[in-house]
Amino acid sequence: MLTTPALSYESQSDEALCHLYAETAAVGIISELYLRYGHLVYGACLKYLKDKEESEDMVSGIFEKLMQKIPDAHITNFNSWLY
């Protein structure tokens, strides 16, 4: 029985992950981006909303929206694009 090694997204650049997500729609890629940027998005949301629960909900919504936006976007700098 052959097994396929799990894909590791940790070593890939943000832009490479976006390109790969546009091709595959692999949810693990969004998870990796969340690990990298979730806390920063939360901080920005908290700064403007000044409510922890509302900010957490907003972060979830933003990352759900990323799944729709990334395939159509030409992203050269994910951090700037996300902000």
C-alpha atoms as a PDB file:
ATOM      1  CA  MET A   1       0.000   0.000   0.000  1.00  0.00           C
ATOM      2  CA  LEU A   2       1.463   3.324  -1.079  1.00  0.00           C
ATOM      3  CA  THR A   3       0.927   6.423   0.991  1.00  0.00           C
ATOM      4  CA  THR A   4       1.218   9.968  -0.197  1.00  0.00           C
ATOM      5  CA  PRO A   5       3.195  12.254   2.101  1.00  0.00           C
ATOM      6  CA  ALA A   6       1.200  15.121   3.547  1.00  0.00           C
ATOM      7  CA  LEU A   7       1.794  18.405   1.816  1.00  0.00           C
ATOM      8  CA  SER A   8       3.812  20.852   3.856  1.00  0.00           C
ATOM      9  CA  TYR A   9       2.928  24.455   3.265  1.00  0.00           C
ATOM     10  CA  GLU A  10       5.179  25.866   6.000  1.00  0.00           C
ATOM     11  CA  SER A  11       8.205  26.376   3.784  1.00  0.00           C
ATOM     12  CA  GLN A  12       6.355  28.003   0.883  1.00  0.00           C
ATOM     13  CA  SER A  13       6.013  31.739   0.399  1.00  0.00           C
ATOM     14  CA  ASP A  14       2.658  33.434   0.857  1.00  0.00           C
ATOM     15  CA  GLU A  15       2.482  34.200  -2.840  1.00  0.00           C
ATOM     16  CA  ALA A  16       3.259  30.586  -3.769  1.00  0.00           C
ATOM     17  CA  LEU A  17       0.504  29.442  -1.423  1.00  0.00           C
ATOM     18  CA  CYS A  18      -1.973  31.829  -3.050  1.00  0.00           C
ATOM     19  CA  HIS A  19      -1.054  30.557  -6.497  1.00  0.00           C
ATOM     20  CA  LEU A  20      -1.377  26.960  -5.330  1.00  0.00           C
ATOM     21  CA  TYR A  21      -4.726  27.700  -3.687  1.00  0.00           C
ATOM     22  CA  ALA A  22      -6.004  29.228  -6.930  1.00  0.00           C
ATOM     23  CA  GLU A  23      -5.137  25.954  -8.679  1.00  0.00           C
ATOM     24  CA  THR A  24      -6.241  23.431  -6.045  1.00  0.00           C
ATOM     25  CA  ALA A  25      -8.603  25.115  -3.550  1.00  0.00           C
ATOM     26  CA  ALA A  26      -6.898  23.085  -0.823  1.00  0.00           C
ATOM     27  CA  VAL A  27      -8.294  24.285   2.499  1.00  0.00           C
ATOM     28  CA  GLY A  28      -5.009  23.485   4.229  1.00  0.00           C
ATOM     29  CA  ILE A  29      -3.497  26.465   2.435  1.00  0.00           C
ATOM     30  CA  ILE A  30      -6.013  28.831   4.015  1.00  0.00           C
ATOM     31  CA  SER A  31      -5.198  27.211   7.351  1.00  0.00           C
ATOM     32  CA  GLU A  32      -1.518  27.967   6.839  1.00  0.00           C
ATOM     33  CA  LEU A  33      -2.273  31.582   5.938  1.00  0.00           C
ATOM     34  CA  TYR A  34      -4.451  31.800   9.052  1.00  0.00           C
ATOM     35  CA  LEU A  35      -1.564  30.544  11.178  1.00  0.00           C
ATOM     36  CA  ARG A  36       0.679  33.214   9.672  1.00  0.00           C
ATOM     37  CA  TYR A  37      -1.727  36.161   9.665  1.00  0.00           C
ATOM     38  CA  GLY A  38      -4.714  35.392  11.896  1.00  0.00           C
ATOM     39  CA  HIS A  39      -3.279  37.219  14.886  1.00  0.00           C
ATOM     40  CA  LEU A  40      -2.470  40.291  12.777  1.00  0.00           C
ATOM     41  CA  VAL A  41      -5.949  40.385  11.262  1.00  0.00           C
ATOM     42  CA  TYR A  42      -7.422  39.990  14.744  1.00  0.00           C
ATOM     43  CA  GLY A  43      -5.326  42.908  16.008  1.00  0.00           C
ATOM     44  CA  ALA A  44      -6.493  45.141  13.167  1.00  0.00           C
ATOM     45  CA  CYS A  45     -10.120  44.154  13.748  1.00  0.00           C
ATOM     46  CA  LEU A  46      -9.813  44.765  17.481  1.00  0.00           C
ATOM     47  CA  LYS A  47      -8.273  48.171  16.835  1.00  0.00           C
ATOM     48  CA  TYR A  48     -11.306  49.287  14.825  1.00  0.00           C
ATOM     49  CA  LEU A  49     -14.133  47.302  16.424  1.00  0.00           C
ATOM     50  CA  LYS A  50     -12.928  47.449  20.047  1.00  0.00           C
ATOM     51  CA  ASP A  51     -14.833  44.249  20.832  1.00  0.00           C
ATOM     52  CA  LYS A  52     -13.133  40.837  21.219  1.00  0.00           C
ATOM     53  CA  GLU A  53     -16.037  38.642  20.124  1.00  0.00           C
ATOM     54  CA  GLU A  54     -16.946  40.844  17.180  1.00  0.00           C
ATOM     55  CA  SER A  55     -13.289  40.883  16.131  1.00  0.00           C
ATOM     56  CA  GLU A  56     -13.072  37.083  16.297  1.00  0.00           C
ATOM     57  CA  ASP A  57     -16.193  36.822  14.129  1.00  0.00           C
ATOM     58  CA  MET A  58     -14.746  39.314  11.673  1.00  0.00           C
ATOM     59  CA  VAL A  59     -11.484  37.340  11.395  1.00  0.00           C
ATOM     60  CA  SER A  60     -13.462  34.197  10.573  1.00  0.00           C
ATOM     61  CA  GLY A  61     -15.426  36.083   7.945  1.00  0.00           C
ATOM     62  CA  ILE A  62     -12.288  37.546   6.408  1.00  0.00           C
ATOM     63  CA  PHE A  63     -10.617  34.158   6.036  1.00  0.00           C
ATOM     64  CA  GLU A  64     -13.801  32.687   4.573  1.00  0.00           C
ATOM     65  CA  LYS A  65     -13.831  35.548   2.065  1.00  0.00           C
ATOM     66  CA  LEU A  66     -10.192  34.831   1.172  1.00  0.00           C
ATOM     67  CA  MET A  67     -11.277  31.470  -0.216  1.00  0.00           C
ATOM     68  CA  GLN A  68     -13.424  33.336  -2.745  1.00  0.00           C
ATOM     69  CA  LYS A  69     -11.026  36.198  -3.494  1.00  0.00           C
ATOM     70  CA  ILE A  70      -7.641  34.493  -3.849  1.00  0.00           C
ATOM     71  CA  PRO A  71      -8.392  32.520  -7.041  1.00  0.00           C
ATOM     72  CA  ASP A  72      -9.298  35.697  -8.949  1.00  0.00           C
ATOM     73  CA  ALA A  73      -6.570  37.940  -7.552  1.00  0.00           C
ATOM     74  CA  HIS A  74      -3.046  38.406  -8.856  1.00  0.00           C
ATOM     75  CA  ILE A  75      -1.206  38.632  -5.540  1.00  0.00           C
ATOM     76  CA  THR A  76       2.404  39.761  -5.537  1.00  0.00           C
ATOM     77  CA  ASN A  77       2.596  40.741  -1.857  1.00  0.00           C
ATOM     78  CA  PHE A  78       0.067  38.867   0.267  1.00  0.00           C
ATOM     79  CA  ASN A  79       0.648  40.858   3.440  1.00  0.00           C
ATOM     80  CA  SER A  80      -0.120  44.179   1.720  1.00  0.00           C
ATOM     81  CA  TRP A  81      -2.984  42.694  -0.252  1.00  0.00           C
ATOM     82  CA  LEU A  82      -4.569  41.262   2.871  1.00  0.00           C
ATOM     83  CA  TYR A  83      -4.327  44.527   4.792  1.00  0.00           C
END
